[in-house]
Amino acid sequence: MDNEAVYTFHIDMTREKAWKKLRDFTLAPNYVPNVESVEITTDKTEGVGASRHVSPTNIDETIVEWQDGKGFTMRLHKGEGGPPFPFKDAGFQYKIEEDGSRTICSVALIYNMMFGTVGNILNSLILNRIINGIVRDIGLSLKYFYETGDPVTPKILKQIKAKN
């Protein structure tokens, strides 16, 4: 895919502890802004092929790449169809690696825009900044949730952003 919005940060916990949380496909409502609930829609709850439905965005996420202990990539789609508007294709990736007693984590939205050149211009002028902000918010919220165990509310996210 041609476009990537990435946010990389440290989590003050070991990679093993971070991986235990990251691999739990049901925890997203605790750290992904505007996600209220997820429903696992497959028998698999982790690994390639595991899928969940995210509300209220009405987006489905299916794991297409899994590296045990290191991260995974999910394809974003609407039911059996393609990705949400305005993407031609889109995936979200989580990666972790050890850094002493801390963990380096990166979250990324990897995508291609619809509408060819027009979509790419729109992305360059407006959407890329918005998408980078959303990805950063997810990273900041994930860090807070992993380190404190407390779900991130809009008020808490505002406080976290003010410090970063």
N, C-alpha and C. Protein backbone atom coordinates (compact mmCIF):
# COMPACT_ATOMS: atom_id res chain seq x y z
N MET A 1 0.83 -1.17 0.00
CA MET A 1 0.00 0.00 0.00
C MET A 1 0.88 1.24 0.00
N ASP A 2 0.35 2.30 -0.54
CA ASP A 2 1.16 3.49 -0.79
C ASP A 2 1.29 4.44 0.39
N ASN A 3 0.31 4.50 1.27
CA ASN A 3 0.30 5.48 2.36
C ASN A 3 0.38 4.80 3.71
N GLU A 4 1.05 5.48 4.63
CA GLU A 4 1.22 4.91 5.96
C GLU A 4 1.24 6.04 6.99
N ALA A 5 0.41 5.88 8.02
CA ALA A 5 0.44 6.79 9.16
C ALA A 5 0.89 5.96 10.35
N VAL A 6 2.04 6.31 10.94
CA VAL A 6 2.65 5.50 11.99
C VAL A 6 2.91 6.35 13.23
N TYR A 7 2.66 5.76 14.39
CA TYR A 7 3.04 6.40 15.65
C TYR A 7 3.80 5.36 16.47
N THR A 8 5.02 5.71 16.90
CA THR A 8 5.88 4.80 17.66
C THR A 8 6.14 5.41 19.04
N PHE A 9 6.14 4.56 20.06
CA PHE A 9 6.27 5.03 21.44
C PHE A 9 6.76 3.90 22.33
N HIS A 10 7.16 4.26 23.56
CA HIS A 10 7.57 3.28 24.56
C HIS A 10 6.41 2.97 25.51
N ILE A 11 6.32 1.73 25.92
CA ILE A 11 5.40 1.31 26.97
C ILE A 11 6.27 0.83 28.12
N ASP A 12 5.99 1.30 29.32
CA ASP A 12 6.78 0.92 30.48
C ASP A 12 6.32 -0.43 31.03
N MET A 13 6.57 -1.47 30.26
CA MET A 13 6.33 -2.85 30.67
C MET A 13 7.11 -3.76 29.72
N THR A 14 7.29 -4.99 30.11
CA THR A 14 8.03 -5.93 29.27
C THR A 14 7.22 -6.27 28.02
N ARG A 15 7.92 -6.71 27.00
CA ARG A 15 7.25 -7.12 25.76
C ARG A 15 6.25 -8.24 26.04
N GLU A 16 6.60 -9.18 26.93
CA GLU A 16 5.70 -10.29 27.23
C GLU A 16 4.38 -9.80 27.81
N LYS A 17 4.44 -8.84 28.74
CA LYS A 17 3.21 -8.29 29.32
C LYS A 17 2.42 -7.51 28.29
N ALA A 18 3.12 -6.74 27.47
CA ALA A 18 2.44 -5.97 26.42
C ALA A 18 1.78 -6.92 25.42
N TRP A 19 2.47 -8.00 25.06
CA TRP A 19 1.91 -8.94 24.09
C TRP A 19 0.65 -9.62 24.66
N LYS A 20 0.65 -9.92 25.93
CA LYS A 20 -0.53 -10.54 26.54
C LYS A 20 -1.76 -9.65 26.35
N LYS A 21 -1.59 -8.34 26.47
CA LYS A 21 -2.70 -7.42 26.26
C LYS A 21 -3.00 -7.24 24.76
N LEU A 22 -1.96 -7.07 23.97
CA LEU A 22 -2.14 -6.80 22.55
C LEU A 22 -2.86 -7.94 21.84
N ARG A 23 -2.57 -9.16 22.20
CA ARG A 23 -3.17 -10.30 21.52
C ARG A 23 -4.63 -10.50 21.88
N ASP A 24 -5.11 -9.81 22.92
CA ASP A 24 -6.51 -9.91 23.32
C ASP A 24 -7.34 -8.98 22.42
N PHE A 25 -7.97 -9.56 21.46
CA PHE A 25 -8.71 -8.88 20.40
C PHE A 25 -9.94 -8.14 20.93
N THR A 26 -10.29 -8.33 22.21
CA THR A 26 -11.49 -7.70 22.76
C THR A 26 -11.21 -6.40 23.51
N LEU A 27 -9.95 -6.04 23.70
CA LEU A 27 -9.60 -4.88 24.53
C LEU A 27 -9.67 -3.53 23.82
N ALA A 28 -9.86 -3.51 22.53
CA ALA A 28 -9.82 -2.25 21.76
C ALA A 28 -10.71 -1.15 22.32
N PRO A 29 -11.92 -1.41 22.84
CA PRO A 29 -12.73 -0.31 23.36
C PRO A 29 -12.08 0.44 24.51
N ASN A 30 -11.08 -0.13 25.13
CA ASN A 30 -10.38 0.53 26.23
C ASN A 30 -9.36 1.58 25.76
N TYR A 31 -8.98 1.51 24.49
CA TYR A 31 -7.94 2.43 24.02
C TYR A 31 -8.12 2.99 22.61
N VAL A 32 -9.08 2.53 21.87
CA VAL A 32 -9.31 3.09 20.53
C VAL A 32 -10.44 4.11 20.63
N PRO A 33 -10.13 5.39 20.42
CA PRO A 33 -11.16 6.42 20.53
C PRO A 33 -12.36 6.12 19.64
N ASN A 34 -13.53 6.38 20.15
CA ASN A 34 -14.81 6.22 19.45
C ASN A 34 -15.22 4.77 19.22
N VAL A 35 -14.50 3.82 19.78
CA VAL A 35 -14.93 2.42 19.71
C VAL A 35 -15.61 2.09 21.03
N GLU A 36 -16.88 1.70 20.94
CA GLU A 36 -17.65 1.38 22.14
C GLU A 36 -17.65 -0.11 22.45
N SER A 37 -17.60 -0.93 21.39
CA SER A 37 -17.61 -2.37 21.62
C SER A 37 -17.05 -3.10 20.40
N VAL A 38 -16.59 -4.31 20.65
CA VAL A 38 -16.19 -5.21 19.56
C VAL A 38 -16.86 -6.56 19.80
N GLU A 39 -17.20 -7.20 18.71
CA GLU A 39 -17.77 -8.54 18.77
C GLU A 39 -16.91 -9.46 17.91
N ILE A 40 -16.38 -10.50 18.51
CA ILE A 40 -15.61 -11.48 17.75
C ILE A 40 -16.60 -12.23 16.85
N THR A 41 -16.30 -12.29 15.56
CA THR A 41 -17.25 -12.87 14.60
C THR A 41 -16.78 -14.20 14.03
N THR A 42 -15.67 -14.71 14.54
CA THR A 42 -15.15 -16.00 14.07
C THR A 42 -14.90 -16.90 15.28
N ASP A 43 -14.74 -18.18 15.02
CA ASP A 43 -14.40 -19.11 16.10
C ASP A 43 -13.01 -18.79 16.65
N LYS A 44 -12.12 -18.33 15.78
CA LYS A 44 -10.77 -17.96 16.20
C LYS A 44 -10.83 -16.63 16.92
N THR A 45 -10.09 -16.51 18.01
CA THR A 45 -10.02 -15.24 18.74
C THR A 45 -8.67 -14.56 18.57
N GLU A 46 -7.72 -15.24 17.92
CA GLU A 46 -6.42 -14.65 17.62
C GLU A 46 -5.81 -15.39 16.46
N GLY A 47 -4.79 -14.79 15.87
CA GLY A 47 -4.11 -15.41 14.74
C GLY A 47 -4.80 -15.08 13.42
N VAL A 48 -4.15 -15.48 12.33
CA VAL A 48 -4.68 -15.22 10.99
C VAL A 48 -6.07 -15.81 10.86
N GLY A 49 -6.98 -14.98 10.39
CA GLY A 49 -8.37 -15.41 10.19
C GLY A 49 -9.32 -14.95 11.28
N ALA A 50 -8.80 -14.57 12.46
CA ALA A 50 -9.67 -14.06 13.51
C ALA A 50 -10.26 -12.73 13.05
N SER A 51 -11.52 -12.51 13.36
CA SER A 51 -12.19 -11.31 12.88
C SER A 51 -13.09 -10.74 13.97
N ARG A 52 -13.25 -9.42 13.94
CA ARG A 52 -14.14 -8.76 14.89
C ARG A 52 -14.93 -7.68 14.16
N HIS A 53 -16.09 -7.37 14.72
CA HIS A 53 -16.93 -6.27 14.23
C HIS A 53 -16.84 -5.15 15.26
N VAL A 54 -16.56 -3.95 14.80
CA VAL A 54 -16.34 -2.80 15.67
C VAL A 54 -17.55 -1.86 15.61
N SER A 55 -18.06 -1.49 16.78
CA SER A 55 -19.20 -0.57 16.86
C SER A 55 -18.78 0.68 17.61
N PRO A 56 -19.31 1.81 17.28
CA PRO A 56 -20.37 2.08 16.31
C PRO A 56 -19.88 2.36 14.89
N THR A 57 -18.59 2.18 14.61
CA THR A 57 -18.06 2.49 13.27
C THR A 57 -18.56 1.52 12.20
N ASN A 58 -19.07 0.36 12.63
CA ASN A 58 -19.59 -0.65 11.71
C ASN A 58 -18.52 -1.13 10.73
N ILE A 59 -17.30 -1.27 11.24
CA ILE A 59 -16.16 -1.76 10.45
C ILE A 59 -15.78 -3.15 10.97
N ASP A 60 -15.37 -4.01 10.06
CA ASP A 60 -14.87 -5.32 10.43
C ASP A 60 -13.35 -5.31 10.27
N GLU A 61 -12.67 -6.07 11.14
CA GLU A 61 -11.22 -6.17 11.11
C GLU A 61 -10.85 -7.64 11.17
N THR A 62 -10.09 -8.08 10.20
CA THR A 62 -9.68 -9.48 10.12
C THR A 62 -8.16 -9.55 10.10
N ILE A 63 -7.60 -10.38 10.96
CA ILE A 63 -6.15 -10.52 11.02
C ILE A 63 -5.66 -11.26 9.78
N VAL A 64 -4.73 -10.63 9.07
CA VAL A 64 -4.17 -11.21 7.84
C VAL A 64 -2.70 -11.58 8.00
N GLU A 65 -2.07 -11.07 9.05
CA GLU A 65 -0.67 -11.42 9.34
C GLU A 65 -0.52 -11.45 10.85
N TRP A 66 0.17 -12.50 11.34
CA TRP A 66 0.33 -12.69 12.78
C TRP A 66 1.76 -13.12 13.05
N GLN A 67 2.46 -12.36 13.90
CA GLN A 67 3.80 -12.75 14.34
C GLN A 67 3.73 -12.88 15.85
N ASP A 68 3.66 -14.11 16.32
CA ASP A 68 3.46 -14.37 17.74
C ASP A 68 4.50 -13.64 18.58
N GLY A 69 4.03 -12.87 19.54
CA GLY A 69 4.90 -12.11 20.42
C GLY A 69 5.40 -10.81 19.85
N LYS A 70 5.08 -10.53 18.58
CA LYS A 70 5.63 -9.33 17.93
C LYS A 70 4.58 -8.41 17.33
N GLY A 71 3.41 -8.93 16.98
CA GLY A 71 2.39 -8.05 16.43
C GLY A 71 1.54 -8.72 15.37
N PHE A 72 0.67 -7.91 14.78
CA PHE A 72 -0.22 -8.42 13.75
C PHE A 72 -0.73 -7.28 12.87
N THR A 73 -1.28 -7.66 11.72
CA THR A 73 -1.89 -6.72 10.78
C THR A 73 -3.32 -7.16 10.53
N MET A 74 -4.23 -6.19 10.55
CA MET A 74 -5.64 -6.46 10.30
C MET A 74 -6.07 -5.76 9.01
N ARG A 75 -6.88 -6.44 8.23
CA ARG A 75 -7.51 -5.83 7.05
C ARG A 75 -8.80 -5.18 7.53
N LEU A 76 -9.03 -3.93 7.14
CA LEU A 76 -10.25 -3.22 7.49
C LEU A 76 -11.24 -3.39 6.35
N HIS A 77 -12.46 -3.79 6.69
CA HIS A 77 -13.46 -4.01 5.64
C HIS A 77 -14.86 -3.85 6.20
N LYS A 78 -15.83 -3.75 5.31
CA LYS A 78 -17.24 -3.64 5.67
C LYS A 78 -17.90 -4.95 5.29
N GLY A 79 -18.15 -5.81 6.27
CA GLY A 79 -18.76 -7.12 5.99
C GLY A 79 -17.90 -7.91 5.04
N GLU A 80 -18.53 -8.47 4.04
CA GLU A 80 -17.81 -9.26 3.03
C GLU A 80 -17.21 -8.37 1.94
N GLY A 81 -17.48 -7.07 2.02
CA GLY A 81 -17.04 -6.14 0.99
C GLY A 81 -15.66 -5.58 1.23
N GLY A 82 -15.45 -4.44 0.62
CA GLY A 82 -14.16 -3.78 0.68
C GLY A 82 -14.00 -2.89 1.90
N PRO A 83 -12.98 -2.08 1.87
CA PRO A 83 -12.65 -1.22 3.01
C PRO A 83 -13.65 -0.07 3.16
N PRO A 84 -13.61 0.59 4.31
CA PRO A 84 -14.49 1.75 4.50
C PRO A 84 -14.08 2.91 3.59
N PHE A 85 -15.05 3.73 3.24
CA PHE A 85 -14.81 4.94 2.46
C PHE A 85 -13.87 5.85 3.23
N PRO A 86 -12.90 6.48 2.64
CA PRO A 86 -12.58 6.65 1.22
C PRO A 86 -11.39 5.79 0.76
N PHE A 87 -11.22 4.63 1.38
CA PHE A 87 -10.05 3.81 1.09
C PHE A 87 -10.31 2.79 -0.02
N LYS A 88 -9.31 2.62 -0.85
CA LYS A 88 -9.33 1.54 -1.85
C LYS A 88 -8.97 0.22 -1.16
N ASP A 89 -8.03 0.29 -0.22
CA ASP A 89 -7.70 -0.81 0.68
C ASP A 89 -7.04 -0.21 1.92
N ALA A 90 -7.20 -0.93 3.05
CA ALA A 90 -6.68 -0.39 4.30
C ALA A 90 -6.42 -1.51 5.29
N GLY A 91 -5.38 -1.33 6.08
CA GLY A 91 -5.05 -2.28 7.14
C GLY A 91 -4.48 -1.54 8.34
N PHE A 92 -4.65 -2.12 9.50
CA PHE A 92 -4.10 -1.53 10.72
C PHE A 92 -3.10 -2.51 11.28
N GLN A 93 -1.94 -1.99 11.69
CA GLN A 93 -0.85 -2.84 12.14
C GLN A 93 -0.39 -2.43 13.53
N TYR A 94 -0.17 -3.45 14.38
CA TYR A 94 0.41 -3.26 15.71
C TYR A 94 1.71 -4.05 15.74
N LYS A 95 2.79 -3.41 16.22
CA LYS A 95 4.08 -4.09 16.36
C LYS A 95 4.66 -3.75 17.73
N ILE A 96 5.31 -4.75 18.35
CA ILE A 96 6.04 -4.50 19.59
C ILE A 96 7.39 -5.18 19.52
N GLU A 97 8.36 -4.56 20.20
CA GLU A 97 9.68 -5.18 20.34
C GLU A 97 10.27 -4.77 21.68
N GLU A 98 11.15 -5.60 22.15
CA GLU A 98 11.75 -5.37 23.47
C GLU A 98 12.79 -4.26 23.42
N ASP A 99 12.82 -3.49 24.49
CA ASP A 99 13.81 -2.43 24.65
C ASP A 99 14.16 -2.38 26.14
N GLY A 100 14.93 -3.36 26.60
CA GLY A 100 15.25 -3.47 28.02
C GLY A 100 14.00 -3.85 28.80
N SER A 101 13.69 -3.09 29.84
CA SER A 101 12.50 -3.39 30.64
C SER A 101 11.25 -2.72 30.07
N ARG A 102 11.45 -1.98 28.98
CA ARG A 102 10.33 -1.33 28.31
C ARG A 102 10.10 -1.99 26.96
N THR A 103 9.03 -1.56 26.32
CA THR A 103 8.67 -2.11 25.02
C THR A 103 8.48 -0.96 24.04
N ILE A 104 9.00 -1.13 22.85
CA ILE A 104 8.73 -0.18 21.77
C ILE A 104 7.49 -0.69 21.04
N CYS A 105 6.52 0.16 20.89
CA CYS A 105 5.29 -0.21 20.20
C CYS A 105 5.07 0.76 19.04
N SER A 106 4.57 0.24 17.94
CA SER A 106 4.15 1.12 16.85
C SER A 106 2.78 0.68 16.38
N VAL A 107 1.97 1.68 16.09
CA VAL A 107 0.64 1.45 15.52
C VAL A 107 0.63 2.17 14.18
N ALA A 108 -0.02 1.58 13.19
CA ALA A 108 0.02 2.16 11.85
C ALA A 108 -1.25 1.85 11.08
N LEU A 109 -1.72 2.84 10.35
CA LEU A 109 -2.75 2.63 9.35
C LEU A 109 -2.04 2.68 8.01
N ILE A 110 -2.18 1.61 7.25
CA ILE A 110 -1.54 1.48 5.94
C ILE A 110 -2.68 1.43 4.93
N TYR A 111 -2.63 2.30 3.91
CA TYR A 111 -3.82 2.43 3.06
C TYR A 111 -3.51 2.96 1.67
N ASN A 112 -4.46 2.74 0.78
CA ASN A 112 -4.50 3.37 -0.54
C ASN A 112 -5.84 4.07 -0.66
N MET A 113 -5.83 5.21 -1.30
CA MET A 113 -7.03 6.01 -1.46
C MET A 113 -7.82 5.61 -2.71
N MET A 114 -9.14 5.80 -2.63
CA MET A 114 -9.99 5.68 -3.81
C MET A 114 -9.73 6.88 -4.71
N PHE A 115 -10.23 6.84 -5.92
CA PHE A 115 -10.26 7.96 -6.86
C PHE A 115 -8.90 8.33 -7.42
N GLY A 116 -7.93 7.40 -7.39
CA GLY A 116 -6.65 7.61 -8.06
C GLY A 116 -5.95 8.89 -7.66
N THR A 117 -5.56 9.67 -8.65
CA THR A 117 -4.80 10.89 -8.42
C THR A 117 -5.57 11.89 -7.56
N VAL A 118 -6.87 12.01 -7.79
CA VAL A 118 -7.70 12.94 -7.00
C VAL A 118 -7.68 12.53 -5.53
N GLY A 119 -7.83 11.23 -5.26
CA GLY A 119 -7.78 10.73 -3.89
C GLY A 119 -6.43 10.97 -3.24
N ASN A 120 -5.36 10.79 -4.01
CA ASN A 120 -4.01 11.02 -3.47
C ASN A 120 -3.77 12.50 -3.17
N ILE A 121 -4.31 13.37 -3.99
CA ILE A 121 -4.17 14.81 -3.73
C ILE A 121 -4.96 15.18 -2.48
N LEU A 122 -6.18 14.67 -2.37
CA LEU A 122 -7.00 14.92 -1.18
C LEU A 122 -6.29 14.40 0.07
N ASN A 123 -5.67 13.24 -0.05
CA ASN A 123 -4.91 12.68 1.07
C ASN A 123 -3.76 13.60 1.44
N SER A 124 -3.01 14.07 0.46
CA SER A 124 -1.86 14.93 0.72
C SER A 124 -2.26 16.26 1.34
N LEU A 125 -3.37 16.82 0.88
CA LEU A 125 -3.78 18.14 1.36
C LEU A 125 -4.48 18.12 2.70
N ILE A 126 -5.28 17.06 2.96
CA ILE A 126 -6.14 17.08 4.15
C ILE A 126 -6.09 15.79 4.96
N LEU A 127 -6.41 14.69 4.32
CA LEU A 127 -6.67 13.45 5.05
C LEU A 127 -5.47 12.90 5.80
N ASN A 128 -4.28 13.01 5.22
CA ASN A 128 -3.10 12.43 5.88
C ASN A 128 -2.87 13.02 7.26
N ARG A 129 -3.08 14.33 7.42
CA ARG A 129 -2.92 14.96 8.73
C ARG A 129 -3.96 14.44 9.72
N ILE A 130 -5.19 14.28 9.25
CA ILE A 130 -6.26 13.77 10.11
C ILE A 130 -5.96 12.33 10.51
N ILE A 131 -5.57 11.51 9.54
CA ILE A 131 -5.27 10.10 9.81
C ILE A 131 -4.09 9.96 10.76
N ASN A 132 -3.05 10.75 10.57
CA ASN A 132 -1.91 10.72 11.49
C ASN A 132 -2.33 11.08 12.90
N GLY A 133 -3.23 12.04 13.05
CA GLY A 133 -3.74 12.41 14.36
C GLY A 133 -4.52 11.29 15.01
N ILE A 134 -5.33 10.60 14.24
CA ILE A 134 -6.11 9.47 14.76
C ILE A 134 -5.18 8.35 15.21
N VAL A 135 -4.19 8.04 14.40
CA VAL A 135 -3.24 6.98 14.74
C VAL A 135 -2.45 7.36 16.00
N ARG A 136 -2.06 8.61 16.11
CA ARG A 136 -1.36 9.09 17.32
C ARG A 136 -2.26 8.94 18.54
N ASP A 137 -3.53 9.31 18.42
CA ASP A 137 -4.47 9.17 19.53
C ASP A 137 -4.60 7.71 19.98
N ILE A 138 -4.62 6.79 19.02
CA ILE A 138 -4.69 5.37 19.36
C ILE A 138 -3.43 4.96 20.12
N GLY A 139 -2.27 5.39 19.63
CA GLY A 139 -1.02 5.05 20.31
C GLY A 139 -0.95 5.61 21.71
N LEU A 140 -1.29 6.88 21.88
CA LEU A 140 -1.27 7.50 23.21
C LEU A 140 -2.24 6.79 24.16
N SER A 141 -3.40 6.44 23.64
CA SER A 141 -4.42 5.78 24.46
C SER A 141 -4.00 4.35 24.82
N LEU A 142 -3.40 3.64 23.86
CA LEU A 142 -2.92 2.28 24.12
C LEU A 142 -1.88 2.31 25.23
N LYS A 143 -0.93 3.22 25.13
CA LYS A 143 0.12 3.36 26.16
C LYS A 143 -0.51 3.59 27.52
N TYR A 144 -1.43 4.52 27.62
CA TYR A 144 -2.07 4.84 28.89
C TYR A 144 -2.81 3.62 29.45
N PHE A 145 -3.60 2.97 28.62
CA PHE A 145 -4.37 1.81 29.07
C PHE A 145 -3.45 0.67 29.52
N TYR A 146 -2.42 0.37 28.73
CA TYR A 146 -1.51 -0.71 29.09
C TYR A 146 -0.79 -0.43 30.41
N GLU A 147 -0.35 0.82 30.59
CA GLU A 147 0.43 1.14 31.79
C GLU A 147 -0.43 1.31 33.04
N THR A 148 -1.67 1.76 32.89
CA THR A 148 -2.51 2.02 34.07
C THR A 148 -3.60 0.98 34.28
N GLY A 149 -4.02 0.33 33.20
CA GLY A 149 -5.16 -0.59 33.29
C GLY A 149 -6.50 0.12 33.23
N ASP A 150 -6.48 1.45 33.13
CA ASP A 150 -7.71 2.24 33.10
C ASP A 150 -8.13 2.53 31.66
N PRO A 151 -9.40 2.31 31.32
CA PRO A 151 -9.88 2.67 29.98
C PRO A 151 -9.72 4.16 29.72
N VAL A 152 -9.49 4.52 28.48
CA VAL A 152 -9.30 5.91 28.11
C VAL A 152 -10.64 6.51 27.69
N THR A 153 -11.03 7.56 28.38
CA THR A 153 -12.23 8.32 28.05
C THR A 153 -11.82 9.53 27.21
N PRO A 154 -12.77 10.19 26.57
CA PRO A 154 -12.42 11.41 25.83
C PRO A 154 -11.72 12.45 26.72
N LYS A 155 -12.16 12.58 27.97
CA LYS A 155 -11.53 13.54 28.89
C LYS A 155 -10.08 13.16 29.18
N ILE A 156 -9.85 11.87 29.43
CA ILE A 156 -8.48 11.41 29.70
C ILE A 156 -7.60 11.60 28.46
N LEU A 157 -8.14 11.28 27.27
CA LEU A 157 -7.36 11.46 26.05
C LEU A 157 -6.97 12.93 25.87
N LYS A 158 -7.87 13.83 26.17
CA LYS A 158 -7.56 15.25 26.06
C LYS A 158 -6.40 15.62 26.99
N GLN A 159 -6.41 15.07 28.21
CA GLN A 159 -5.33 15.33 29.16
C GLN A 159 -4.00 14.73 28.68
N ILE A 160 -4.07 13.52 28.15
CA ILE A 160 -2.86 12.86 27.64
C ILE A 160 -2.27 13.68 26.50
N LYS A 161 -3.11 14.12 25.59
CA LYS A 161 -2.63 14.90 24.42
C LYS A 161 -2.01 16.22 24.86
N ALA A 162 -2.55 16.83 25.91
CA ALA A 162 -2.01 18.10 26.41
C ALA A 162 -0.59 17.93 26.95
N LYS A 163 -0.27 16.72 27.45
CA LYS A 163 1.06 16.45 27.99
C LYS A 163 2.06 16.03 26.92
N ASN A 164 1.57 15.61 25.79
CA ASN A 164 2.45 15.10 24.72
C ASN A 164 2.48 16.07 23.57
